[in-house]
C-alpha atoms as a PDB file:
ATOM      1  CA  MET A   1      -0.128  -0.082  -0.117  1.00  0.00           C
ATOM      2  CA  ALA A   2       1.158   3.529  -0.807  1.00  0.00           C
ATOM      3  CA  SER A   3       1.301   5.850   2.089  1.00  0.00           C
ATOM      4  CA  SER A   4      -1.400   7.960   0.411  1.00  0.00           C
ATOM      5  CA  ASP A   5      -3.648   4.620   0.919  1.00  0.00           C
ATOM      6  CA  PHE A   6      -3.462   5.117   4.902  1.00  0.00           C
ATOM      7  CA  ASP A   7      -4.409   8.771   4.936  1.00  0.00           C
ATOM      8  CA  GLY A   8      -6.982   8.847   7.704  1.00  0.00           C
ATOM      9  CA  ILE A   9      -7.241   5.105   7.471  1.00  0.00           C
ATOM     10  CA  LEU A  10      -7.788   4.995  11.538  1.00  0.00           C
ATOM     11  CA  LEU A  11     -10.479   7.231  13.464  1.00  0.00           C
ATOM     12  CA  GLY A  12     -10.665   7.179  17.230  1.00  0.00           C
ATOM     13  CA  MET A  13     -13.449   8.748  19.274  1.00  0.00           C
ATOM     14  CA  GLY A  14     -13.099   9.178  23.043  1.00  0.00           C
ATOM     15  CA  ASN A  15     -12.481  11.419  26.177  1.00  0.00           C
ATOM     16  CA  PRO A  16      -9.242  13.444  25.905  1.00  0.00           C
ATOM     17  CA  LEU A  17      -7.983  13.546  29.388  1.00  0.00           C
ATOM     18  CA  LEU A  18      -4.969  15.118  30.815  1.00  0.00           C
ATOM     19  CA  ASP A  19      -3.204  12.570  33.154  1.00  0.00           C
ATOM     20  CA  VAL A  20      -2.218  14.257  36.601  1.00  0.00           C
ATOM     21  CA  SER A  21      -0.115  11.145  37.507  1.00  0.00           C
ATOM     22  CA  ALA A  22       2.287  10.794  40.674  1.00  0.00           C
ATOM     23  CA  VAL A  23       3.581   8.014  42.421  1.00  0.00           C
ATOM     24  CA  VAL A  24       1.592   8.047  45.806  1.00  0.00           C
ATOM     25  CA  ASP A  25       1.313   5.960  49.089  1.00  0.00           C
ATOM     26  CA  GLN A  26      -1.065   3.267  50.577  1.00  0.00           C
ATOM     27  CA  GLU A  27      -2.554   5.868  53.016  1.00  0.00           C
ATOM     28  CA  PHE A  28      -3.448   8.273  50.112  1.00  0.00           C
ATOM     29  CA  LEU A  29      -5.112   5.527  48.308  1.00  0.00           C
ATOM     30  CA  ASP A  30      -7.068   4.315  51.075  1.00  0.00           C
ATOM     31  CA  LYS A  31      -7.996   8.227  52.267  1.00  0.00           C
ATOM     32  CA  TYR A  32      -9.724   8.167  48.802  1.00  0.00           C
ATOM     33  CA  ASP A  33     -10.918   4.584  48.439  1.00  0.00           C
ATOM     34  CA  ILE A  34      -8.933   3.509  45.927  1.00  0.00           C
ATOM     35  CA  LYS A  35      -8.225   0.062  44.342  1.00  0.00           C
ATOM     36  CA  LEU A  36      -5.099  -0.457  42.059  1.00  0.00           C
ATOM     37  CA  ASN A  37      -5.571  -1.695  38.767  1.00  0.00           C
ATOM     38  CA  ASN A  38      -9.084  -0.111  38.613  1.00  0.00           C
ATOM     39  CA  ALA A  39     -10.491   2.656  36.691  1.00  0.00           C
ATOM     40  CA  ILE A  40     -13.509   4.700  37.864  1.00  0.00           C
ATOM     41  CA  LEU A  41     -15.457   8.269  37.463  1.00  0.00           C
ATOM     42  CA  ALA A  42     -14.512  10.691  39.776  1.00  0.00           C
ATOM     43  CA  GLU A  43     -17.378  11.316  42.469  1.00  0.00           C
ATOM     44  CA  ASP A  44     -17.462  14.357  45.023  1.00  0.00           C
ATOM     45  CA  LYS A  45     -15.276  12.793  47.612  1.00  0.00           C
ATOM     46  CA  HIS A  46     -12.124  12.539  44.823  1.00  0.00           C
ATOM     47  CA  LEU A  47     -12.255  16.013  43.805  1.00  0.00           C
ATOM     48  CA  PRO A  48      -9.719  17.200  46.635  1.00  0.00           C
ATOM     49  CA  MET A  49      -7.286  14.553  45.752  1.00  0.00           C
ATOM     50  CA  TYR A  50      -5.985  16.427  42.375  1.00  0.00           C
ATOM     51  CA  ASP A  51      -4.764  19.410  44.274  1.00  0.00           C
ATOM     52  CA  GLU A  52      -3.359  17.044  47.153  1.00  0.00           C
ATOM     53  CA  MET A  53      -1.581  15.138  44.794  1.00  0.00           C
ATOM     54  CA  SER A  54       0.415  17.973  43.253  1.00  0.00           C
ATOM     55  CA  GLN A  55       1.025  19.350  46.985  1.00  0.00           C
ATOM     56  CA  LYS A  56       2.002  16.254  48.305  1.00  0.00           C
ATOM     57  CA  PHE A  57       3.783  14.393  45.486  1.00  0.00           C
ATOM     58  CA  ASN A  58       5.920  14.669  42.752  1.00  0.00           C
ATOM     59  CA  VAL A  59       2.966  15.115  39.620  1.00  0.00           C
ATOM     60  CA  GLU A  60       3.412  14.610  36.019  1.00  0.00           C
ATOM     61  CA  TYR A  61       1.145  16.245  33.581  1.00  0.00           C
ATOM     62  CA  ILE A  62       0.827  13.837  30.280  1.00  0.00           C
ATOM     63  CA  ALA A  63      -1.972  13.994  27.917  1.00  0.00           C
ATOM     64  CA  GLY A  64      -4.100  10.765  28.017  1.00  0.00           C
ATOM     65  CA  GLY A  65      -7.303   9.354  27.572  1.00  0.00           C
ATOM     66  CA  ALA A  66      -7.829   5.734  26.684  1.00  0.00           C
ATOM     67  CA  THR A  67      -8.685   6.082  23.024  1.00  0.00           C
ATOM     68  CA  GLN A  68      -6.448   9.018  22.623  1.00  0.00           C
ATOM     69  CA  ASN A  69      -3.720   7.256  24.201  1.00  0.00           C
ATOM     70  CA  SER A  70      -4.043   3.948  21.637  1.00  0.00           C
ATOM     71  CA  ILE A  71      -4.540   6.196  18.607  1.00  0.00           C
ATOM     72  CA  LYS A  72      -1.330   7.994  19.435  1.00  0.00           C
ATOM     73  CA  VAL A  73       0.565   4.543  19.813  1.00  0.00           C
ATOM     74  CA  ALA A  74      -0.762   3.516  16.658  1.00  0.00           C
ATOM     75  CA  GLN A  75       0.113   6.645  14.788  1.00  0.00           C
ATOM     76  CA  TRP A  76       3.816   6.354  16.412  1.00  0.00           C
ATOM     77  CA  MET A  77       4.011   2.542  15.257  1.00  0.00           C
ATOM     78  CA  LEU A  78       2.899   3.487  11.547  1.00  0.00           C
ATOM     79  CA  GLN A  79       5.103   6.678  10.799  1.00  0.00           C
ATOM     80  CA  ILE A  80       2.707   7.674   8.319  1.00  0.00           C
ATOM     81  CA  PRO A  81       1.793  11.156   9.234  1.00  0.00           C
ATOM     82  CA  GLY A  82      -2.126  11.641   9.072  1.00  0.00           C
ATOM     83  CA  ALA A  83      -2.804   8.085   9.269  1.00  0.00           C
ATOM     84  CA  THR A  84      -4.887   8.406  12.066  1.00  0.00           C
ATOM     85  CA  SER A  85      -7.779  10.951  13.211  1.00  0.00           C
ATOM     86  CA  TYR A  86      -9.390  11.734  16.680  1.00  0.00           C
ATOM     87  CA  MET A  87     -12.597  13.330  17.946  1.00  0.00           C
ATOM     88  CA  GLY A  88     -13.380  14.077  21.377  1.00  0.00           C
ATOM     89  CA  SER A  89     -14.143  17.223  23.846  1.00  0.00           C
ATOM     90  CA  ILE A  90     -11.901  19.475  25.349  1.00  0.00           C
ATOM     91  CA  GLY A  91     -12.271  22.679  27.341  1.00  0.00           C
ATOM     92  CA  LYS A  92     -10.979  26.095  26.168  1.00  0.00           C
ATOM     93  CA  ASP A  93      -8.056  26.351  28.465  1.00  0.00           C
ATOM     94  CA  LYS A  94      -4.485  25.926  28.830  1.00  0.00           C
ATOM     95  CA  TYR A  95      -4.522  22.094  29.412  1.00  0.00           C
ATOM     96  CA  GLY A  96      -7.043  22.038  26.065  1.00  0.00           C
ATOM     97  CA  GLU A  97      -4.105  23.904  24.100  1.00  0.00           C
ATOM     98  CA  ALA A  98      -1.205  21.444  25.488  1.00  0.00           C
ATOM     99  CA  MET A  99      -3.384  18.504  24.269  1.00  0.00           C
ATOM    100  CA  LYS A 100      -4.020  19.954  21.241  1.00  0.00           C
ATOM    101  CA  LYS A 101      -0.328  20.507  20.838  1.00  0.00           C
ATOM    102  CA  ASP A 102       0.702  17.088  21.979  1.00  0.00           C
ATOM    103  CA  ALA A 103      -1.400  14.819  19.760  1.00  0.00           C
ATOM    104  CA  THR A 104      -0.601  17.295  16.569  1.00  0.00           C
ATOM    105  CA  ALA A 105       2.803  16.964  17.499  1.00  0.00           C
ATOM    106  CA  ALA A 106       2.413  12.902  17.546  1.00  0.00           C
ATOM    107  CA  GLY A 107       1.099  13.075  13.776  1.00  0.00           C
ATOM    108  CA  VAL A 108      -2.681  12.802  14.727  1.00  0.00           C
ATOM    109  CA  ASN A 109      -5.389  14.625  13.019  1.00  0.00           C
ATOM    110  CA  VAL A 110      -7.625  15.636  15.999  1.00  0.00           C
ATOM    111  CA  HIS A 111     -10.986  17.591  15.602  1.00  0.00           C
ATOM    112  CA  TYR A 112     -11.958  18.480  19.047  1.00  0.00           C
ATOM    113  CA  TYR A 113     -15.153  19.872  20.138  1.00  0.00           C
ATOM    114  CA  GLU A 114     -14.231  23.041  22.362  1.00  0.00           C
ATOM    115  CA  ASP A 115     -16.445  23.342  25.088  1.00  0.00           C
ATOM    116  CA  GLU A 116     -16.998  26.994  26.302  1.00  0.00           C
ATOM    117  CA  SER A 117     -17.976  26.617  29.673  1.00  0.00           C
ATOM    118  CA  THR A 118     -16.263  23.616  31.188  1.00  0.00           C
ATOM    119  CA  SER A 119     -12.548  22.963  31.744  1.00  0.00           C
ATOM    120  CA  THR A 120     -10.572  19.997  30.060  1.00  0.00           C
ATOM    121  CA  GLY A 121     -10.947  16.745  31.577  1.00  0.00           C
ATOM    122  CA  THR A 122      -8.228  15.315  34.137  1.00  0.00           C
ATOM    123  CA  CYS A 123      -7.540  11.747  35.180  1.00  0.00           C
ATOM    124  CA  GLY A 124      -5.734  11.342  38.764  1.00  0.00           C
ATOM    125  CA  VAL A 125      -3.115   8.532  38.038  1.00  0.00           C
ATOM    126  CA  CYS A 126      -2.404   6.801  41.294  1.00  0.00           C
ATOM    127  CA  VAL A 127       0.775   4.783  40.999  1.00  0.00           C
ATOM    128  CA  LEU A 128       2.000   2.139  43.726  1.00  0.00           C
ATOM    129  CA  GLY A 129       4.200  -0.611  43.080  1.00  0.00           C
ATOM    130  CA  GLY A 130       4.344   0.070  39.310  1.00  0.00           C
ATOM    131  CA  GLU A 131       0.472  -0.777  39.149  1.00  0.00           C
ATOM    132  CA  ARG A 132      -1.737   2.069  38.604  1.00  0.00           C
ATOM    133  CA  SER A 133      -5.363   3.577  39.487  1.00  0.00           C
ATOM    134  CA  LEU A 134      -7.228   6.060  37.220  1.00  0.00           C
ATOM    135  CA  ILE A 135      -9.607   8.378  38.783  1.00  0.00           C
ATOM    136  CA  ALA A 136     -11.328  10.325  35.884  1.00  0.00           C
ATOM    137  CA  ASN A 137     -12.861  13.902  36.159  1.00  0.00           C
ATOM    138  CA  LEU A 138     -14.454  14.040  32.653  1.00  0.00           C
ATOM    139  CA  SER A 139     -15.402  17.907  32.661  1.00  0.00           C
ATOM    140  CA  ALA A 140     -15.384  18.815  29.294  1.00  0.00           C
ATOM    141  CA  ALA A 141     -14.932  15.143  27.874  1.00  0.00           C
ATOM    142  CA  ASN A 142     -18.275  14.564  28.812  1.00  0.00           C
ATOM    143  CA  CYS A 143     -19.808  17.444  26.833  1.00  0.00           C
ATOM    144  CA  TYR A 144     -19.230  15.904  23.619  1.00  0.00           C
ATOM    145  CA  LYS A 145     -22.099  16.256  20.827  1.00  0.00           C
ATOM    146  CA  VAL A 146     -23.257  14.026  18.171  1.00  0.00           C
ATOM    147  CA  GLU A 147     -24.164  17.483  16.303  1.00  0.00           C
ATOM    148  CA  HIS A 148     -20.318  17.989  16.344  1.00  0.00           C
ATOM    149  CA  LEU A 149     -19.531  14.462  14.701  1.00  0.00           C
ATOM    150  CA  LYS A 150     -22.291  15.201  11.760  1.00  0.00           C
ATOM    151  CA  LYS A 151     -20.364  18.381  10.883  1.00  0.00           C
ATOM    152  CA  PRO A 152     -19.397  17.729   6.991  1.00  0.00           C
ATOM    153  CA  GLU A 153     -15.512  18.405   8.065  1.00  0.00           C
ATOM    154  CA  ASN A 154     -16.026  15.876  11.126  1.00  0.00           C
ATOM    155  CA  TRP A 155     -18.392  13.413   9.349  1.00  0.00           C
ATOM    156  CA  ALA A 156     -15.724  13.583   6.669  1.00  0.00           C
ATOM    157  CA  LEU A 157     -13.109  11.690   8.900  1.00  0.00           C
ATOM    158  CA  VAL A 158     -15.774   8.867   9.238  1.00  0.00           C
ATOM    159  CA  GLU A 159     -15.874   8.450   5.564  1.00  0.00           C
ATOM    160  CA  LYS A 160     -12.599   8.457   4.971  1.00  0.00           C
ATOM    161  CA  ALA A 161     -11.555   5.703   7.794  1.00  0.00           C
ATOM    162  CA  LYS A 162     -11.640   1.775   7.037  1.00  0.00           C
ATOM    163  CA  PHE A 163     -10.906   1.077  10.691  1.00  0.00           C
ATOM    164  CA  TYR A 164     -12.406   2.661  14.095  1.00  0.00           C
ATOM    165  CA  TYR A 165     -11.578   1.949  17.662  1.00  0.00           C
ATOM    166  CA  ILE A 166     -13.838   3.505  20.439  1.00  0.00           C
ATOM    167  CA  ALA A 167     -13.069   3.015  24.254  1.00  0.00           C
ATOM    168  CA  GLY A 168     -15.567   1.708  26.226  1.00  0.00           C
ATOM    169  CA  PHE A 169     -15.396   4.973  28.507  1.00  0.00           C
ATOM    170  CA  PHE A 170     -17.082   6.833  25.570  1.00  0.00           C
ATOM    171  CA  LEU A 171     -20.374   4.953  26.201  1.00  0.00           C
ATOM    172  CA  THR A 172     -20.780   7.040  29.059  1.00  0.00           C
ATOM    173  CA  VAL A 173     -20.675  10.404  27.059  1.00  0.00           C
ATOM    174  CA  SER A 174     -22.162   9.840  23.583  1.00  0.00           C
ATOM    175  CA  PRO A 175     -23.693   6.709  22.564  1.00  0.00           C
ATOM    176  CA  GLU A 176     -25.519   8.232  19.922  1.00  0.00           C
ATOM    177  CA  SER A 177     -22.328   9.255  18.089  1.00  0.00           C
ATOM    178  CA  ILE A 178     -21.087   5.664  18.825  1.00  0.00           C
ATOM    179  CA  GLN A 179     -24.373   4.442  17.044  1.00  0.00           C
ATOM    180  CA  LEU A 180     -23.933   6.654  13.671  1.00  0.00           C
ATOM    181  CA  VAL A 181     -20.045   5.289  13.830  1.00  0.00           C
ATOM    182  CA  ARG A 182     -20.475   1.699  14.356  1.00  0.00           C
ATOM    183  CA  GLU A 183     -23.882   1.505  11.682  1.00  0.00           C
ATOM    184  CA  HIS A 184     -21.540   3.259   9.033  1.00  0.00           C
ATOM    185  CA  ALA A 185     -19.245   0.911   9.505  1.00  0.00           C
ATOM    186  CA  ALA A 186     -21.658  -2.290   9.375  1.00  0.00           C
ATOM    187  CA  ALA A 187     -23.416  -0.673   6.049  1.00  0.00           C
ATOM    188  CA  ASN A 188     -19.739  -0.019   4.164  1.00  0.00           C
ATOM    189  CA  ASN A 189     -18.029  -3.498   5.270  1.00  0.00           C
ATOM    190  CA  LYS A 190     -15.324  -1.325   7.589  1.00  0.00           C
ATOM    191  CA  VAL A 191     -13.661  -2.767  11.029  1.00  0.00           C
ATOM    192  CA  PHE A 192     -15.275  -1.365  13.907  1.00  0.00           C
ATOM    193  CA  THR A 193     -13.545  -2.081  17.249  1.00  0.00           C
ATOM    194  CA  MET A 194     -14.173  -1.284  20.680  1.00  0.00           C
ATOM    195  CA  ASN A 195     -12.604  -1.900  24.397  1.00  0.00           C
ATOM    196  CA  LEU A 196     -14.590  -3.254  27.676  1.00  0.00           C
ATOM    197  CA  SER A 197     -12.446  -0.576  29.387  1.00  0.00           C
ATOM    198  CA  ALA A 198     -13.361  -0.881  32.931  1.00  0.00           C
ATOM    199  CA  PRO A 199     -15.100  -3.278  35.278  1.00  0.00           C
ATOM    200  CA  PHE A 200     -17.944  -0.364  36.076  1.00  0.00           C
ATOM    201  CA  ILE A 201     -18.767  -0.077  32.317  1.00  0.00           C
ATOM    202  CA  CYS A 202     -19.559  -3.650  31.983  1.00  0.00           C
ATOM    203  CA  GLU A 203     -21.626  -3.372  35.022  1.00  0.00           C
ATOM    204  CA  PHE A 204     -23.322  -0.088  34.987  1.00  0.00           C
ATOM    205  CA  PHE A 205     -23.380   0.742  31.474  1.00  0.00           C
ATOM    206  CA  LYS A 206     -24.350  -3.141  30.513  1.00  0.00           C
ATOM    207  CA  ASP A 207     -27.487  -1.517  28.205  1.00  0.00           C
ATOM    208  CA  VAL A 208     -25.739   0.809  25.993  1.00  0.00           C
ATOM    209  CA  GLN A 209     -22.563  -1.554  25.780  1.00  0.00           C
ATOM    210  CA  GLU A 210     -24.998  -4.501  24.501  1.00  0.00           C
ATOM    211  CA  LYS A 211     -26.131  -2.714  21.707  1.00  0.00           C
ATOM    212  CA  CYS A 212     -22.834  -2.024  20.396  1.00  0.00           C
ATOM    213  CA  ILE A 213     -21.739  -5.614  20.955  1.00  0.00           C
ATOM    214  CA  PRO A 214     -23.140  -7.051  17.702  1.00  0.00           C
ATOM    215  CA  TYR A 215     -21.181  -4.292  15.418  1.00  0.00           C
ATOM    216  CA  MET A 216     -17.784  -4.744  17.504  1.00  0.00           C
ATOM    217  CA  ASP A 217     -15.459  -7.014  14.887  1.00  0.00           C
ATOM    218  CA  TYR A 218     -12.608  -7.058  17.536  1.00  0.00           C
ATOM    219  CA  ILE A 219     -13.112  -6.728  21.535  1.00  0.00           C
ATOM    220  CA  PHE A 220     -10.388  -5.767  23.518  1.00  0.00           C
ATOM    221  CA  GLY A 221     -10.045  -5.856  27.668  1.00  0.00           C
ATOM    222  CA  ASN A 222      -8.214  -7.006  30.325  1.00  0.00           C
ATOM    223  CA  GLU A 223      -8.833 -10.142  32.535  1.00  0.00           C
ATOM    224  CA  THR A 224     -10.246  -8.052  35.503  1.00  0.00           C
ATOM    225  CA  GLU A 225     -12.804  -6.607  32.701  1.00  0.00           C
ATOM    226  CA  ALA A 226     -13.464  -9.682  31.135  1.00  0.00           C
ATOM    227  CA  ARG A 227     -14.641 -11.492  34.638  1.00  0.00           C
ATOM    228  CA  THR A 228     -16.853  -8.505  35.328  1.00  0.00           C
ATOM    229  CA  PHE A 229     -18.569  -8.819  31.821  1.00  0.00           C
ATOM    230  CA  SER A 230     -19.094 -12.495  32.691  1.00  0.00           C
ATOM    231  CA  ARG A 231     -20.529 -11.811  36.078  1.00  0.00           C
ATOM    232  CA  VAL A 232     -22.977  -9.246  34.540  1.00  0.00           C
ATOM    233  CA  HIS A 233     -23.811 -11.969  31.567  1.00  0.00           C
ATOM    234  CA  GLY A 234     -24.669 -14.557  34.397  1.00  0.00           C
ATOM    235  CA  TRP A 235     -22.082 -16.798  32.450  1.00  0.00           C
ATOM    236  CA  GLU A 236     -20.957 -18.349  35.801  1.00  0.00           C
ATOM    237  CA  THR A 237     -17.171 -18.738  34.799  1.00  0.00           C
ATOM    238  CA  ASP A 238     -14.083 -16.827  35.702  1.00  0.00           C
ATOM    239  CA  ASP A 239     -12.405 -18.760  33.402  1.00  0.00           C
ATOM    240  CA  VAL A 240     -10.923 -15.907  30.838  1.00  0.00           C
ATOM    241  CA  GLU A 241     -10.383 -18.393  27.871  1.00  0.00           C
ATOM    242  CA  GLN A 242     -14.038 -19.483  27.955  1.00  0.00           C
ATOM    243  CA  ILE A 243     -15.211 -15.526  28.794  1.00  0.00           C
ATOM    244  CA  ALA A 244     -13.299 -15.036  25.453  1.00  0.00           C
ATOM    245  CA  ILE A 245     -14.662 -17.658  23.249  1.00  0.00           C
ATOM    246  CA  LYS A 246     -18.253 -16.995  24.777  1.00  0.00           C
ATOM    247  CA  MET A 247     -17.744 -12.939  23.675  1.00  0.00           C
ATOM    248  CA  SER A 248     -16.641 -13.804  20.325  1.00  0.00           C
ATOM    249  CA  GLN A 249     -19.486 -15.732  19.551  1.00  0.00           C
ATOM    250  CA  LEU A 250     -22.167 -13.266  20.698  1.00  0.00           C
ATOM    251  CA  PRO A 251     -24.544 -12.223  18.089  1.00  0.00           C
ATOM    252  CA  LYS A 252     -23.078 -10.196  15.140  1.00  0.00           C
ATOM    253  CA  ALA A 253     -24.811  -7.457  13.352  1.00  0.00           C
ATOM    254  CA  THR A 254     -23.299  -8.312   9.746  1.00  0.00           C
ATOM    255  CA  GLY A 255     -21.487 -11.437   8.655  1.00  0.00           C
ATOM    256  CA  THR A 256     -18.761  -9.493   7.132  1.00  0.00           C
ATOM    257  CA  TYR A 257     -16.078 -10.482   9.592  1.00  0.00           C
ATOM    258  CA  LYS A 258     -16.033 -12.807  12.383  1.00  0.00           C
ATOM    259  CA  ARG A 259     -15.419 -11.468  15.742  1.00  0.00           C
ATOM    260  CA  THR A 260     -12.058 -11.822  17.497  1.00  0.00           C
ATOM    261  CA  THR A 261     -11.210 -11.429  21.188  1.00  0.00           C
ATOM    262  CA  VAL A 262      -8.308 -10.205  22.629  1.00  0.00           C
ATOM    263  CA  ILE A 263      -7.906 -10.048  26.475  1.00  0.00           C
ATOM    264  CA  THR A 264      -4.405  -9.170  28.305  1.00  0.00           C
ATOM    265  CA  GLN A 265      -3.663 -10.614  31.461  1.00  0.00           C
ATOM    266  CA  GLY A 266      -0.878  -8.118  32.551  1.00  0.00           C
ATOM    267  CA  ALA A 267       2.490 -10.172  32.380  1.00  0.00           C
ATOM    268  CA  ASP A 268       0.620 -13.470  31.588  1.00  0.00           C
ATOM    269  CA  PRO A 269      -0.372 -14.752  28.146  1.00  0.00           C
ATOM    270  CA  VAL A 270      -2.707 -12.708  25.869  1.00  0.00           C
ATOM    271  CA  VAL A 271      -5.913 -14.632  25.061  1.00  0.00           C
ATOM    272  CA  VAL A 272      -7.180 -14.490  21.730  1.00  0.00           C
ATOM    273  CA  ALA A 273     -10.291 -16.073  20.914  1.00  0.00           C
ATOM    274  CA  GLU A 274     -11.954 -16.496  17.244  1.00  0.00           C
ATOM    275  CA  ASP A 275     -14.045 -19.388  15.288  1.00  0.00           C
ATOM    276  CA  GLY A 276     -14.584 -21.040  18.694  1.00  0.00           C
ATOM    277  CA  LYS A 277     -10.838 -21.636  19.339  1.00  0.00           C
ATOM    278  CA  VAL A 278      -8.149 -19.811  21.557  1.00  0.00           C
ATOM    279  CA  LYS A 279      -4.689 -18.878  21.133  1.00  0.00           C
ATOM    280  CA  LYS A 280      -2.128 -17.829  23.870  1.00  0.00           C
ATOM    281  CA  TYR A 281       0.270 -15.158  22.951  1.00  0.00           C
ATOM    282  CA  PRO A 282       3.298 -14.777  25.629  1.00  0.00           C
ATOM    283  CA  VAL A 283       4.252 -11.134  26.060  1.00  0.00           C
ATOM    284  CA  ILE A 284       7.921  -9.806  26.267  1.00  0.00           C
ATOM    285  CA  PRO A 285       8.957 -10.651  29.942  1.00  0.00           C
ATOM    286  CA  LEU A 286      10.258  -7.556  31.933  1.00  0.00           C
ATOM    287  CA  PRO A 287      12.403  -7.648  35.211  1.00  0.00           C
ATOM    288  CA  LYS A 288      10.416  -5.902  38.031  1.00  0.00           C
ATOM    289  CA  GLU A 289      12.837  -2.857  38.504  1.00  0.00           C
ATOM    290  CA  LYS A 290      12.295  -1.892  34.884  1.00  0.00           C
ATOM    291  CA  LEU A 291       8.719  -1.344  35.309  1.00  0.00           C
ATOM    292  CA  VAL A 292       7.827   2.373  35.718  1.00  0.00           C
ATOM    293  CA  ASP A 293       3.941   2.044  35.555  1.00  0.00           C
ATOM    294  CA  THR A 294       1.075   0.476  33.863  1.00  0.00           C
ATOM    295  CA  ASN A 295      -0.509   3.352  33.065  1.00  0.00           C
ATOM    296  CA  GLY A 296      -1.303   3.489  29.329  1.00  0.00           C
ATOM    297  CA  ALA A 297       0.028  -0.415  29.030  1.00  0.00           C
ATOM    298  CA  GLY A 298      -3.576  -1.600  27.475  1.00  0.00           C
ATOM    299  CA  ASP A 299      -4.151   1.391  25.534  1.00  0.00           C
ATOM    300  CA  ALA A 300      -0.688   1.006  23.829  1.00  0.00           C
ATOM    301  CA  PHE A 301      -1.332  -2.945  23.192  1.00  0.00           C
ATOM    302  CA  VAL A 302      -4.445  -1.799  21.319  1.00  0.00           C
ATOM    303  CA  GLY A 303      -2.234   1.384  19.500  1.00  0.00           C
ATOM    304  CA  GLY A 304       0.176  -1.561  18.340  1.00  0.00           C
ATOM    305  CA  PHE A 305      -2.425  -3.828  17.594  1.00  0.00           C
ATOM    306  CA  LEU A 306      -4.365  -1.628  15.227  1.00  0.00           C
ATOM    307  CA  SER A 307      -1.243  -0.555  13.603  1.00  0.00           C
ATOM    308  CA  GLN A 308      -0.507  -3.641  12.136  1.00  0.00           C
ATOM    309  CA  LEU A 309      -4.518  -4.680  11.431  1.00  0.00           C
ATOM    310  CA  VAL A 310      -4.818  -1.454   9.193  1.00  0.00           C
ATOM    311  CA  HIS A 311      -1.602  -3.195   7.123  1.00  0.00           C
ATOM    312  CA  GLY A 312      -3.803  -6.237   6.806  1.00  0.00           C
ATOM    313  CA  LYS A 313      -1.378  -8.267   9.051  1.00  0.00           C
ATOM    314  CA  GLY A 314      -2.366 -11.605  10.798  1.00  0.00           C
ATOM    315  CA  ILE A 315      -3.517 -11.989  14.455  1.00  0.00           C
ATOM    316  CA  GLU A 316      -0.230 -12.972  15.532  1.00  0.00           C
ATOM    317  CA  GLU A 317       1.713 -10.096  13.865  1.00  0.00           C
ATOM    318  CA  CYS A 318      -0.953  -7.833  15.766  1.00  0.00           C
ATOM    319  CA  VAL A 319      -0.420  -8.974  19.227  1.00  0.00           C
ATOM    320  CA  ARG A 320       3.327  -9.096  18.683  1.00  0.00           C
ATOM    321  CA  ALA A 321       3.092  -5.215  18.039  1.00  0.00           C
ATOM    322  CA  GLY A 322       0.930  -4.795  20.886  1.00  0.00           C
ATOM    323  CA  CYS A 323       2.839  -6.401  23.293  1.00  0.00           C
ATOM    324  CA  TYR A 324       5.805  -4.580  21.854  1.00  0.00           C
ATOM    325  CA  ALA A 325       4.105  -1.113  22.210  1.00  0.00           C
ATOM    326  CA  SER A 326       3.001  -1.949  25.650  1.00  0.00           C
ATOM    327  CA  ASN A 327       6.475  -3.202  26.920  1.00  0.00           C
ATOM    328  CA  VAL A 328       7.935   0.327  25.643  1.00  0.00           C
ATOM    329  CA  VAL A 329       5.269   2.450  27.669  1.00  0.00           C
ATOM    330  CA  ILE A 330       5.582   0.442  30.964  1.00  0.00           C
ATOM    331  CA  GLN A 331       9.189   1.139  31.238  1.00  0.00           C
ATOM    332  CA  ARG A 332       8.343   5.208  30.997  1.00  0.00           C
ATOM    333  CA  SER A 333       5.828   7.317  32.909  1.00  0.00           C
ATOM    334  CA  GLY A 334       2.378   7.202  31.127  1.00  0.00           C
ATOM    335  CA  CYS A 335       1.650   6.383  27.672  1.00  0.00           C
ATOM    336  CA  THR A 336       4.601   7.732  26.362  1.00  0.00           C
ATOM    337  CA  TYR A 337       7.265   6.462  23.952  1.00  0.00           C
ATOM    338  CA  PRO A 338      10.629   7.559  22.070  1.00  0.00           C
ATOM    339  CA  GLU A 339      10.683   9.365  19.103  1.00  0.00           C
ATOM    340  CA  LYS A 340      10.912   6.365  16.677  1.00  0.00           C
ATOM    341  CA  PRO A 341       9.760   2.805  17.374  1.00  0.00           C
ATOM    342  CA  ASP A 342      12.160  -0.351  16.939  1.00  0.00           C
ATOM    343  CA  PHE A 343       9.696  -2.588  15.439  1.00  0.00           C
ATOM    344  CA  ASN A 344      10.262  -4.773  12.598  1.00  0.00           C
END
């Protein structure tokens, strides 16, 4: 494929958030009732934590948001300017400007909706022993409107793309937008992918998630999310391989593609289910002392995976690229990476 064939080939939609990241202590986690390896939406009780983090700990500000992370990593792996696009909502403020600068520098074609009255969303990233917990204060990210998507210059990104990726987190913001994109994908034989994203999405946004499942050609998630999904659907199994198979066999809206389920399990092998069969792929081992934090590890895996999927590569290559990208990211703070990938 010529590089022009990749122009806008992958489109992501999600919640652009500025990560407020710090290594914290157990006392801080307990105070705000935060569990590691989890992702939640901030409640009133969490709102003081962002200031407290910056006063007590060494805080880094990193452009984040699950889908935006994945799209940036895919862009980095592809090394073809403008291969990826992204939409979401930010505030008209310095954080929003910083995010725009960051994503554009990464080579992503961003079309943000800018909300006049709300500040750019933030995500508290609490790190302890290399494990992360995410507490998202969506603010402006919560204000995305389907009208923005329908504008000709934005819908053009949907038309141009052949692959779509939307994290489950966006289900809480604009299910109408997701519906338009998934129906366009199905009608035009394009590839639609989503992520389970967090236990609370599987549990409390089950109805909107269920409407999307028939359209998903690829479902990503981690072992905790998969087990929550299983419990919520009354499957009565904690076996990740069985769950992955069951998810891949849920009904599909069109028969163009078979569904593939891809479940990561931290340092344990990646589980891939398609056609009623499971394959496991080991991740790249990393000595504990090289682990900086797991923030963005799952996002980076998806980004690496998608970078090969748009090239038409097989599942093994897609997983290998996903494992490579997440291995790079966990050795750095947040979802960041060196200038060029070293992946062949």
